[in-house]
N, C-alpha and C. Protein backbone atom coordinates (compact mmCIF):
# COMPACT_ATOMS: atom_id res chain seq x y z
N UNK A 1 0.95 -1.12 -0.01
CA UNK A 1 -0.05 -0.12 0.10
C UNK A 1 0.90 1.32 -0.22
N UNK A 2 2.21 1.12 0.30
CA UNK A 2 2.92 2.26 0.65
C UNK A 2 3.38 2.55 -0.95
N UNK A 3 3.21 1.94 -1.90
CA UNK A 3 3.47 2.24 -3.12
C UNK A 3 2.38 3.20 -3.99
N UNK A 4 1.24 3.02 -3.30
CA UNK A 4 -0.05 3.84 -3.80
C UNK A 4 0.03 5.32 -3.26
N UNK A 5 0.59 6.15 -3.68
CA UNK A 5 1.00 7.56 -3.38
C UNK A 5 0.27 8.71 -4.12
N UNK A 6 0.38 9.57 -3.45
CA UNK A 6 -0.10 11.00 -4.42
C UNK A 6 1.00 11.39 -5.25
N UNK A 7 0.79 12.62 -6.03
CA UNK A 7 1.87 13.17 -7.04
C UNK A 7 2.96 13.60 -5.99
N UNK A 8 2.95 13.68 -4.57
CA UNK A 8 3.95 14.24 -3.91
C UNK A 8 4.73 13.30 -3.11
N UNK A 9 4.19 11.83 -3.37
CA UNK A 9 4.81 10.62 -2.69
C UNK A 9 4.41 10.48 -1.57
N UNK A 10 3.18 10.94 -1.04
CA UNK A 10 2.58 10.54 0.51
C UNK A 10 1.74 9.45 0.31
N UNK A 11 2.14 8.36 0.87
CA UNK A 11 0.78 7.12 0.76
C UNK A 11 -0.51 7.84 0.69
N UNK A 12 -1.49 7.02 0.10
CA UNK A 12 -3.02 7.80 0.01
C UNK A 12 -3.77 6.49 0.71
N UNK A 13 -3.09 5.48 1.01
CA UNK A 13 -3.88 4.18 1.73
C UNK A 13 -3.14 3.64 2.93
N UNK A 14 -3.70 3.37 3.65
CA UNK A 14 -2.94 2.46 5.00
C UNK A 14 -3.15 0.85 4.61
N UNK A 15 -2.10 0.19 5.05
CA UNK A 15 -2.09 -0.90 5.13
C UNK A 15 -3.16 -1.46 6.22
N UNK A 16 -4.09 -2.58 5.80
CA UNK A 16 -4.99 -3.27 6.41
C UNK A 16 -4.01 -3.66 7.71
N UNK A 17 -4.58 -3.39 8.99
CA UNK A 17 -3.87 -4.09 10.00
C UNK A 17 -4.16 -5.45 10.35
N UNK A 18 -3.07 -6.54 10.26
CA UNK A 18 -3.33 -7.74 10.51
C UNK A 18 -3.71 -8.54 9.58
N UNK A 19 -3.88 -8.12 8.20
CA UNK A 19 -4.49 -8.87 7.18
C UNK A 19 -3.63 -9.87 6.72
N UNK A 20 -2.07 -9.52 6.69
CA UNK A 20 -1.39 -10.67 6.37
C UNK A 20 -1.44 -11.92 7.58
N UNK A 21 -1.49 -11.45 8.66
CA UNK A 21 -1.36 -12.56 9.63
C UNK A 21 -2.51 -13.03 9.65
N UNK A 22 -4.13 -12.55 9.27
CA UNK A 22 -5.09 -13.14 9.34
C UNK A 22 -5.01 -14.42 8.19
N UNK A 23 -4.47 -13.75 6.84
CA UNK A 23 -4.54 -14.94 5.70
C UNK A 23 -3.52 -15.78 5.86
N UNK A 24 -2.52 -15.65 6.61
CA UNK A 24 -1.19 -16.70 6.76
C UNK A 24 -1.76 -17.58 7.72
N UNK A 25 -2.55 -17.39 8.82
CA UNK A 25 -3.25 -18.15 9.59
C UNK A 25 -4.35 -19.01 8.99
N UNK A 26 -5.21 -18.67 8.15
CA UNK A 26 -6.19 -19.37 7.34
C UNK A 26 -5.40 -19.97 6.15
N UNK A 27 -4.25 -19.76 5.90
CA UNK A 27 -3.37 -20.67 5.10
C UNK A 27 -3.00 -22.09 5.75
N UNK A 28 -2.43 -21.93 6.82
CA UNK A 28 -2.11 -22.96 7.79
C UNK A 28 -3.43 -23.88 8.01
N UNK A 29 -4.28 -23.25 8.32
CA UNK A 29 -5.63 -23.87 8.70
C UNK A 29 -5.95 -24.91 7.24
N UNK A 30 -5.86 -24.55 6.22
CA UNK A 30 -6.40 -25.10 4.99
C UNK A 30 -5.34 -25.48 4.09
N UNK A 31 -4.04 -25.51 5.03
CA UNK A 31 -2.82 -26.20 4.22
C UNK A 31 -2.65 -25.51 2.83
N UNK A 32 -2.71 -24.22 2.76
CA UNK A 32 -2.51 -23.37 1.21
C UNK A 32 -1.43 -22.00 1.31
N UNK A 33 -0.75 -21.95 0.60
CA UNK A 33 -0.04 -20.50 0.54
C UNK A 33 -1.13 -18.89 0.04
N UNK A 34 -1.50 -18.47 0.98
CA UNK A 34 -1.95 -17.10 0.72
C UNK A 34 -1.18 -16.33 -0.13
N UNK A 35 -1.84 -15.35 -0.83
CA UNK A 35 -1.17 -14.39 -1.57
C UNK A 35 -1.19 -13.02 -0.78
N UNK A 36 0.02 -12.62 -0.51
CA UNK A 36 0.12 -11.72 0.48
C UNK A 36 1.19 -10.34 -0.09
N UNK A 37 0.93 -9.29 0.46
CA UNK A 37 1.71 -8.12 0.31
C UNK A 37 2.01 -7.60 -1.26
N UNK A 38 3.33 -7.85 -1.68
CA UNK A 38 3.57 -7.35 -3.11
C UNK A 38 2.98 -8.24 -3.99
N UNK A 39 2.83 -9.71 -3.36
CA UNK A 39 2.54 -10.70 -4.28
C UNK A 39 1.16 -10.78 -4.75
N UNK A 40 0.15 -9.93 -3.89
CA UNK A 40 -1.40 -10.06 -4.19
C UNK A 40 -1.61 -8.70 -5.00
N UNK A 41 -1.27 -9.08 -6.44
CA UNK A 41 -1.54 -8.15 -7.38
C UNK A 41 -2.78 -8.21 -8.08
N UNK A 42 -3.10 -7.62 -8.58
CA UNK A 42 -4.33 -7.75 -9.47
C UNK A 42 -4.46 -8.89 -10.47
N UNK A 43 -3.19 -8.77 -11.35
CA UNK A 43 -3.00 -9.80 -12.41
C UNK A 43 -3.04 -11.04 -11.46
N UNK A 44 -2.28 -11.27 -10.47
CA UNK A 44 -2.27 -12.61 -9.85
C UNK A 44 -3.56 -13.04 -9.22
N UNK A 45 -4.27 -12.14 -8.73
CA UNK A 45 -5.49 -12.51 -8.14
C UNK A 45 -6.60 -12.83 -9.07
N UNK A 46 -6.52 -12.04 -10.14
CA UNK A 46 -7.25 -12.67 -11.45
C UNK A 46 -6.94 -13.90 -11.82
N UNK A 47 -5.58 -14.08 -11.69
CA UNK A 47 -5.40 -15.59 -12.70
C UNK A 47 -5.94 -16.79 -11.62
N UNK A 48 -5.62 -16.53 -10.36
CA UNK A 48 -6.12 -17.65 -9.63
C UNK A 48 -7.43 -17.43 -8.95
N UNK A 49 -8.02 -16.46 -8.97
CA UNK A 49 -9.65 -16.66 -8.64
C UNK A 49 -10.68 -17.42 -9.37
N UNK A 50 -10.06 -17.43 -11.01
CA UNK A 50 -10.86 -18.42 -11.72
C UNK A 50 -10.63 -19.91 -11.43
N UNK A 51 -10.10 -20.31 -10.77
CA UNK A 51 -9.79 -21.86 -10.49
C UNK A 51 -9.78 -22.41 -9.15
N UNK A 52 -10.04 -21.18 -8.00
CA UNK A 52 -10.15 -21.70 -6.55
C UNK A 52 -11.74 -22.10 -6.17
N UNK A 53 -11.80 -22.84 -5.05
CA UNK A 53 -12.96 -22.87 -4.44
C UNK A 53 -13.41 -22.03 -3.61
N UNK A 54 -12.40 -21.48 -3.05
CA UNK A 54 -12.75 -20.63 -1.75
C UNK A 54 -11.72 -19.18 -2.06
N UNK A 55 -12.21 -18.15 -1.94
CA UNK A 55 -11.72 -16.85 -2.13
C UNK A 55 -11.89 -16.12 -0.73
N UNK A 56 -10.57 -15.80 -0.12
CA UNK A 56 -10.66 -14.72 1.40
C UNK A 56 -10.03 -13.68 0.94
N UNK A 57 -10.80 -12.48 0.92
CA UNK A 57 -10.13 -11.36 0.71
C UNK A 57 -10.05 -10.45 1.95
N UNK A 58 -8.89 -10.26 2.48
CA UNK A 58 -8.48 -9.35 3.57
C UNK A 58 -7.77 -7.91 3.15
N UNK A 59 -8.69 -6.97 2.68
CA UNK A 59 -7.88 -5.84 2.07
C UNK A 59 -8.72 -4.45 2.15
N UNK A 60 -7.96 -3.54 1.65
CA UNK A 60 -9.20 -2.14 1.68
C UNK A 60 -9.95 -2.24 0.81
N UNK A 61 -11.24 -2.01 1.13
CA UNK A 61 -12.59 -1.88 0.16
C UNK A 61 -13.23 -0.88 0.04
N UNK A 62 -13.61 -0.37 -1.21
CA UNK A 62 -14.47 0.93 -1.51
C UNK A 62 -15.62 0.25 -1.35
N UNK A 63 -16.28 0.26 -0.21
CA UNK A 63 -17.45 -0.53 0.00
C UNK A 63 -18.85 0.42 -1.06
N UNK A 64 -18.60 1.69 -0.91
CA UNK A 64 -19.64 2.36 -1.57
C UNK A 64 -19.79 2.08 -3.03
N UNK A 65 -18.57 1.62 -3.61
CA UNK A 65 -18.56 1.17 -5.05
C UNK A 65 -17.96 -0.48 -5.58
N UNK A 66 -17.80 -0.82 -4.61
CA UNK A 66 -17.54 -2.51 -4.48
C UNK A 66 -16.20 -2.68 -5.28
N UNK A 67 -15.11 -1.84 -5.12
CA UNK A 67 -13.71 -1.87 -5.59
C UNK A 67 -12.97 -2.46 -4.20
N UNK A 68 -12.00 -3.34 -4.59
CA UNK A 68 -11.20 -4.05 -3.62
C UNK A 68 -9.46 -3.48 -4.13
N UNK A 69 -8.90 -2.80 -3.13
CA UNK A 69 -7.52 -2.09 -3.53
C UNK A 69 -6.25 -3.49 -3.28
N UNK A 70 -5.77 -3.92 -4.47
CA UNK A 70 -4.65 -5.00 -4.16
C UNK A 70 -3.28 -4.12 -4.38
N UNK A 71 -2.39 -4.85 -4.73
CA UNK A 71 -0.96 -4.69 -4.94
C UNK A 71 -0.66 -4.11 -6.05
N UNK A 72 0.07 -3.06 -6.21
CA UNK A 72 0.35 -2.66 -7.70
C UNK A 72 1.14 -3.74 -8.24
N UNK A 73 1.06 -3.70 -9.58
CA UNK A 73 2.22 -4.42 -10.59
C UNK A 73 3.43 -4.11 -10.30
N UNK A 74 4.31 -4.98 -9.97
CA UNK A 74 5.62 -4.53 -9.60
C UNK A 74 6.39 -4.05 -11.00
N UNK A 75 5.94 -4.75 -11.83
CA UNK A 75 6.73 -4.35 -13.21
C UNK A 75 6.24 -3.38 -13.98
N UNK A 76 5.40 -2.34 -13.34
CA UNK A 76 5.12 -1.50 -14.11
C UNK A 76 6.12 -0.29 -14.22
N UNK A 77 5.90 0.43 -15.55
CA UNK A 77 7.15 1.45 -15.88
C UNK A 77 6.71 2.87 -15.47
N UNK A 78 5.72 2.78 -14.44
CA UNK A 78 5.57 4.23 -13.74
C UNK A 78 5.62 4.20 -12.71
N UNK A 79 5.80 5.39 -12.02
CA UNK A 79 6.28 5.46 -10.70
C UNK A 79 4.93 5.40 -9.64
N UNK A 80 4.16 6.35 -9.79
CA UNK A 80 2.90 6.29 -9.39
C UNK A 80 1.84 5.33 -10.12
N UNK A 81 1.52 3.99 -9.56
CA UNK A 81 0.62 3.42 -10.02
C UNK A 81 -0.57 3.84 -10.39
N UNK A 82 -1.14 3.49 -11.37
CA UNK A 82 -2.66 3.95 -11.97
C UNK A 82 -3.65 2.93 -11.39
N UNK A 83 -4.92 3.53 -10.95
CA UNK A 83 -5.88 2.45 -10.36
C UNK A 83 -6.15 1.32 -11.13
N UNK A 84 -5.99 1.40 -12.29
CA UNK A 84 -6.80 0.21 -12.93
C UNK A 84 -5.56 -0.87 -12.77
N UNK A 85 -4.25 -0.39 -12.31
CA UNK A 85 -3.68 -1.51 -12.03
C UNK A 85 -3.40 -2.32 -10.80
N UNK A 86 -4.18 -1.61 -9.92
CA UNK A 86 -4.45 -2.32 -8.50
C UNK A 86 -5.83 -2.28 -8.09
N UNK A 87 -7.03 -1.53 -8.50
CA UNK A 87 -8.33 -1.82 -8.24
C UNK A 87 -8.85 -2.98 -8.66
N UNK A 88 -9.55 -3.94 -8.11
CA UNK A 88 -10.02 -5.06 -8.60
C UNK A 88 -11.82 -4.76 -8.46
N UNK A 89 -12.39 -4.56 -9.72
CA UNK A 89 -13.71 -4.19 -9.72
C UNK A 89 -14.22 -5.61 -10.23
N UNK A 90 -15.40 -5.56 -9.68
CA UNK A 90 -16.50 -6.55 -10.04
C UNK A 90 -16.64 -6.80 -11.53
N UNK A 91 -16.13 -6.26 -12.43
CA UNK A 91 -16.37 -6.37 -13.99
C UNK A 91 -14.97 -7.14 -14.25
N UNK A 92 -13.90 -7.01 -13.55
CA UNK A 92 -12.71 -7.70 -13.58
C UNK A 92 -12.92 -9.26 -13.48
N UNK A 93 -13.46 -9.25 -12.44
CA UNK A 93 -13.72 -10.83 -11.80
C UNK A 93 -14.74 -11.34 -12.72
N UNK A 94 -15.48 -10.64 -13.28
CA UNK A 94 -16.64 -11.36 -14.25
C UNK A 94 -16.00 -11.74 -15.49
N UNK A 95 -15.19 -10.66 -15.86
CA UNK A 95 -14.43 -11.05 -17.19
C UNK A 95 -13.43 -12.54 -17.03
N UNK A 96 -12.73 -12.95 -15.99
CA UNK A 96 -12.16 -13.83 -15.95
C UNK A 96 -13.22 -15.37 -15.36
N UNK A 97 -14.37 -14.89 -14.79
CA UNK A 97 -14.88 -15.95 -14.41
C UNK A 97 -14.74 -16.06 -12.85
N UNK A 98 -15.77 -16.59 -11.89
CA UNK A 98 -15.20 -16.97 -10.85
C UNK A 98 -15.82 -18.51 -10.40
N UNK A 99 -15.01 -19.42 -9.75
CA UNK A 99 -15.51 -20.79 -9.72
C UNK A 99 -16.11 -20.93 -8.36
N UNK A 100 -15.61 -20.04 -7.41
CA UNK A 100 -15.56 -20.28 -5.95
C UNK A 100 -16.78 -20.50 -5.36
N UNK A 101 -17.04 -21.71 -4.69
CA UNK A 101 -18.25 -21.89 -3.97
C UNK A 101 -18.54 -20.77 -2.57
N UNK A 102 -17.37 -20.28 -2.14
CA UNK A 102 -17.43 -19.62 -0.97
C UNK A 102 -16.29 -18.24 -1.19
N UNK A 103 -17.02 -17.02 -1.03
CA UNK A 103 -16.17 -15.79 -0.99
C UNK A 103 -16.22 -15.31 0.60
N UNK A 104 -15.29 -14.79 0.73
CA UNK A 104 -15.06 -14.15 2.41
C UNK A 104 -14.68 -12.87 2.09
N UNK A 105 -15.16 -11.65 2.44
CA UNK A 105 -14.88 -10.48 2.46
C UNK A 105 -14.50 -9.85 4.30
N UNK A 106 -13.13 -10.10 4.14
CA UNK A 106 -12.80 -9.50 5.49
C UNK A 106 -11.96 -7.97 5.50
N UNK A 107 -12.94 -7.18 5.13
CA UNK A 107 -12.60 -5.93 4.73
C UNK A 107 -12.20 -5.04 5.84
N UNK A 108 -11.72 -3.86 5.51
CA UNK A 108 -11.37 -2.77 6.57
C UNK A 108 -11.58 -1.44 6.03
N UNK A 109 -12.02 -0.61 6.91
CA UNK A 109 -12.41 0.72 6.57
C UNK A 109 -11.53 1.72 7.31
N UNK A 110 -10.64 2.66 6.92
CA UNK A 110 -9.53 3.46 7.54
C UNK A 110 -10.54 4.04 8.70
N UNK A 111 -11.49 4.57 8.48
CA UNK A 111 -12.48 5.06 9.39
C UNK A 111 -13.82 4.64 9.55
N UNK A 112 -14.27 4.13 10.75
CA UNK A 112 -15.44 3.61 10.86
C UNK A 112 -16.77 4.30 10.33
N UNK A 113 -16.57 5.76 10.20
CA UNK A 113 -17.38 6.39 9.68
C UNK A 113 -17.67 6.03 8.09
N UNK A 114 -16.78 5.61 7.50
CA UNK A 114 -16.69 5.22 5.77
C UNK A 114 -17.43 4.22 5.60
N UNK A 115 -17.71 3.20 6.24
CA UNK A 115 -18.41 2.09 6.30
C UNK A 115 -19.82 2.24 5.76
N UNK A 116 -20.10 1.59 4.63
CA UNK A 116 -21.28 1.73 4.17
C UNK A 116 -21.89 -0.05 4.11
N UNK A 117 -23.03 -0.24 4.90
CA UNK A 117 -23.44 -1.54 4.84
C UNK A 117 -24.12 -1.81 3.36
N UNK A 118 -24.83 -0.44 2.89
CA UNK A 118 -25.51 -0.83 1.54
C UNK A 118 -24.33 -1.11 0.37
N UNK A 119 -22.97 -1.01 0.44
CA UNK A 119 -21.92 -0.79 -0.42
C UNK A 119 -21.52 -2.51 0.06
N UNK A 120 -21.48 -2.87 1.21
CA UNK A 120 -20.89 -4.27 1.30
C UNK A 120 -22.07 -5.55 0.76
N UNK A 121 -23.36 -5.01 1.16
CA UNK A 121 -24.47 -5.76 0.45
C UNK A 121 -24.22 -5.90 -1.06
N UNK A 122 -24.11 -4.65 -1.63
CA UNK A 122 -24.16 -4.80 -3.21
C UNK A 122 -22.71 -5.75 -3.41
N UNK A 123 -21.45 -5.56 -2.81
CA UNK A 123 -20.32 -6.44 -2.97
C UNK A 123 -20.93 -7.98 -3.04
N UNK A 124 -21.32 -8.15 -2.01
CA UNK A 124 -22.18 -9.57 -1.96
C UNK A 124 -22.87 -10.24 -3.00
N UNK A 125 -23.67 -9.19 -3.39
CA UNK A 125 -24.58 -9.51 -4.66
C UNK A 125 -23.97 -9.79 -5.83
N UNK A 126 -22.97 -9.00 -6.09
CA UNK A 126 -22.08 -8.78 -7.03
C UNK A 126 -21.32 -10.09 -7.37
N UNK A 127 -20.79 -10.60 -6.29
CA UNK A 127 -20.20 -11.79 -6.21
C UNK A 127 -21.15 -12.85 -6.49
N UNK A 128 -22.21 -12.98 -5.86
CA UNK A 128 -23.27 -14.06 -6.34
C UNK A 128 -23.36 -13.80 -7.86
N UNK A 129 -23.80 -12.75 -8.14
CA UNK A 129 -24.01 -12.86 -9.62
C UNK A 129 -23.10 -13.10 -10.31
N UNK A 130 -21.83 -13.30 -10.26
CA UNK A 130 -20.83 -13.60 -11.17
C UNK A 130 -20.43 -15.21 -10.67
N UNK A 131 -20.97 -15.82 -10.15
CA UNK A 131 -20.69 -17.20 -9.80
C UNK A 131 -20.55 -17.68 -8.47
N UNK A 132 -20.12 -16.64 -7.45
CA UNK A 132 -20.04 -17.41 -6.31
C UNK A 132 -21.13 -18.15 -5.58
N UNK A 133 -20.99 -19.38 -4.97
CA UNK A 133 -22.33 -20.13 -4.34
C UNK A 133 -22.45 -19.45 -2.87
N UNK A 134 -21.86 -18.81 -2.33
CA UNK A 134 -22.11 -18.01 -1.03
C UNK A 134 -21.03 -17.30 -0.83
N UNK A 135 -21.32 -16.05 0.13
CA UNK A 135 -20.70 -14.97 -0.05
C UNK A 135 -20.90 -14.51 1.75
N UNK A 136 -19.66 -14.34 2.30
CA UNK A 136 -19.55 -13.76 3.94
C UNK A 136 -19.17 -12.58 3.97
N UNK A 137 -19.64 -11.92 4.44
CA UNK A 137 -19.50 -10.19 4.65
C UNK A 137 -20.14 -9.93 5.99
N UNK A 138 -19.26 -9.00 6.38
CA UNK A 138 -19.61 -8.38 7.94
C UNK A 138 -20.24 -7.13 7.76
N UNK A 139 -21.39 -6.91 8.58
CA UNK A 139 -22.06 -5.63 8.59
C UNK A 139 -21.67 -5.01 10.05
N UNK A 140 -20.68 -5.47 10.48
CA UNK A 140 -20.14 -5.42 12.28
C UNK A 140 -18.65 -4.85 12.15
N UNK A 141 -18.43 -3.59 12.84
CA UNK A 141 -17.07 -3.05 12.81
C UNK A 141 -16.44 -3.84 13.82
N UNK A 142 -15.90 -4.78 13.48
CA UNK A 142 -15.11 -5.68 14.81
C UNK A 142 -13.66 -5.13 14.95
N UNK A 143 -13.03 -5.21 15.91
CA UNK A 143 -11.70 -4.98 16.07
C UNK A 143 -10.74 -6.08 15.36
N UNK A 144 -9.53 -5.73 15.10
CA UNK A 144 -8.65 -6.81 14.80
C UNK A 144 -8.57 -8.34 15.43
N UNK A 145 -8.54 -7.99 16.77
CA UNK A 145 -8.49 -9.28 17.67
C UNK A 145 -9.62 -9.97 17.10
N UNK A 146 -10.80 -9.52 17.31
CA UNK A 146 -12.24 -10.12 17.19
C UNK A 146 -12.19 -10.80 15.94
N UNK A 147 -11.76 -10.13 15.14
CA UNK A 147 -11.99 -10.63 13.59
C UNK A 147 -11.21 -11.83 13.35
N UNK A 148 -9.82 -12.07 14.19
CA UNK A 148 -8.70 -12.85 13.97
C UNK A 148 -9.51 -13.82 14.64
N UNK A 149 -10.05 -13.73 15.59
CA UNK A 149 -10.88 -14.87 16.70
C UNK A 149 -12.00 -15.43 15.76
N UNK A 150 -12.65 -14.65 15.00
CA UNK A 150 -13.94 -15.10 14.36
C UNK A 150 -13.49 -15.73 13.29
N UNK A 151 -12.49 -15.29 12.38
CA UNK A 151 -11.65 -16.03 11.21
C UNK A 151 -11.11 -17.40 11.62
N UNK A 152 -10.53 -17.33 12.73
CA UNK A 152 -9.97 -18.48 12.89
C UNK A 152 -11.11 -19.85 13.29
N UNK A 153 -12.09 -19.36 14.29
CA UNK A 153 -13.00 -20.62 14.49
C UNK A 153 -13.63 -20.63 13.13
N UNK A 154 -14.02 -19.92 12.44
CA UNK A 154 -14.67 -20.11 11.41
C UNK A 154 -14.33 -21.18 10.18
N UNK A 155 -12.55 -20.75 10.05
CA UNK A 155 -12.08 -21.89 9.51
C UNK A 155 -11.54 -23.14 9.71
N UNK A 156 -11.78 -23.15 11.04
CA UNK A 156 -11.29 -24.27 11.73
C UNK A 156 -12.76 -25.13 11.40
N UNK A 157 -13.72 -24.55 11.75
CA UNK A 157 -14.83 -25.59 11.54
C UNK A 157 -15.08 -25.87 10.01
N UNK A 158 -14.62 -25.02 8.92
CA UNK A 158 -14.72 -25.46 7.71
C UNK A 158 -13.56 -26.77 7.24
N UNK A 159 -12.52 -26.58 7.83
CA UNK A 159 -11.76 -27.60 7.59
C UNK A 159 -12.16 -28.88 8.39
N UNK A 160 -12.97 -28.85 9.20
CA UNK A 160 -13.34 -30.20 9.98
C UNK A 160 -14.54 -30.46 9.18
N UNK A 161 -15.09 -30.01 8.28
CA UNK A 161 -16.29 -30.55 7.01
C UNK A 161 -17.43 -29.70 7.35
N UNK A 162 -17.36 -28.90 8.42
CA UNK A 162 -18.74 -27.88 8.50
C UNK A 162 -19.27 -27.10 7.30
N UNK A 163 -20.36 -27.06 6.91
CA UNK A 163 -20.80 -26.23 6.07
C UNK A 163 -20.70 -24.85 6.39
N UNK A 164 -20.59 -23.85 5.35
CA UNK A 164 -20.25 -22.39 5.55
C UNK A 164 -21.18 -21.66 6.72
N UNK A 165 -22.43 -22.21 6.62
CA UNK A 165 -23.70 -21.71 7.56
C UNK A 165 -23.28 -22.19 8.86
N UNK A 166 -22.92 -23.29 9.19
CA UNK A 166 -22.85 -24.17 10.56
C UNK A 166 -21.52 -23.66 10.84
N UNK A 167 -20.47 -23.44 10.07
CA UNK A 167 -19.21 -22.93 10.62
C UNK A 167 -19.30 -21.54 11.26
N UNK A 168 -19.91 -20.59 10.29
CA UNK A 168 -20.49 -19.29 10.77
C UNK A 168 -21.15 -19.28 12.30
N UNK A 169 -22.11 -19.98 12.20
CA UNK A 169 -23.01 -19.97 13.40
C UNK A 169 -22.00 -20.39 14.63
N UNK A 170 -21.35 -21.38 14.51
CA UNK A 170 -20.46 -21.89 15.68
C UNK A 170 -19.36 -20.82 15.86
N UNK A 171 -18.84 -20.05 14.96
CA UNK A 171 -17.85 -19.33 15.07
C UNK A 171 -18.49 -18.08 15.88
N UNK A 172 -19.80 -17.57 15.53
CA UNK A 172 -20.37 -16.62 16.16
C UNK A 172 -20.67 -16.84 17.63
N UNK A 173 -21.10 -18.12 17.83
CA UNK A 173 -21.37 -18.57 19.35
C UNK A 173 -19.97 -18.46 20.07
N UNK A 174 -19.28 -19.13 19.30
CA UNK A 174 -17.76 -19.08 20.36
C UNK A 174 -17.19 -17.70 20.72
N UNK A 175 -17.73 -16.45 20.03
CA UNK A 175 -17.27 -15.21 20.33
C UNK A 175 -18.27 -14.46 21.10
N UNK A 176 -19.61 -14.97 21.40
CA UNK A 176 -20.73 -14.58 21.66
C UNK A 176 -21.23 -13.58 21.02
N UNK A 177 -21.11 -13.39 19.80
CA UNK A 177 -21.81 -12.80 19.09
C UNK A 177 -23.33 -13.16 18.53
N UNK A 178 -24.55 -12.82 18.57
CA UNK A 178 -25.71 -13.38 18.51
C UNK A 178 -26.03 -13.45 17.20
N UNK A 179 -26.40 -14.48 16.89
CA UNK A 179 -27.13 -14.40 15.09
C UNK A 179 -28.26 -13.49 14.96
N UNK A 180 -28.90 -13.28 15.93
CA UNK A 180 -30.15 -12.09 15.85
C UNK A 180 -29.64 -10.97 15.85
N UNK A 181 -28.36 -10.61 16.30
CA UNK A 181 -27.87 -9.45 16.28
C UNK A 181 -27.83 -8.71 14.82
N UNK A 182 -27.68 -9.74 13.98
CA UNK A 182 -27.43 -9.41 12.42
C UNK A 182 -26.30 -8.94 11.94
N UNK A 183 -25.16 -8.97 12.68
CA UNK A 183 -23.73 -8.72 11.94
C UNK A 183 -23.12 -9.33 10.95
N UNK A 184 -23.53 -10.52 10.92
CA UNK A 184 -22.67 -11.20 9.73
C UNK A 184 -24.02 -11.83 9.13
N UNK A 185 -23.67 -11.82 7.37
CA UNK A 185 -24.73 -12.37 6.65
C UNK A 185 -23.78 -13.34 5.66
N UNK A 186 -24.33 -14.39 5.57
CA UNK A 186 -24.07 -15.50 4.88
C UNK A 186 -25.15 -15.63 3.55
N UNK A 187 -24.99 -14.95 2.20
CA UNK A 187 -26.03 -15.09 1.18
C UNK A 187 -25.63 -16.20 0.16
């Protein structure tokens, strides 16, 4: 994220706190190697997204318009990355196809006031429209520790063969989050 700067060289996006730790923890639970840091480029995500059964995205998300910020292409010939080189749009995913049975959006907004529930729901609907069978999004602003605990419990349940809905229910129960509270939605 430090490579995405203004013309004066000031970073315009903050790194999502604990995102790398989160996806590495999930990678260990599922015995897979996640894309992190500079390796999580738009080109690499699009290359892989068409062939995997599960997509977990822990990134800055522009919830109002359904765009996901990824790492800029390291081979670019220009100093300041252009948005098309690092912003993943639903139209990009639609163009390559999506085979995932489950998409998990573990997003972050720099300021809780920036959070747009309607935008998150539109993103979930967009992933469903382009082929995902299920999409898990949060409508709660959880702190990093709670998010890590929830994701750990959720993926442990998945790794033990539970369905996404059962895994989510058990994970929420383990954190003491009531399903009636309406904080998480599995579509």
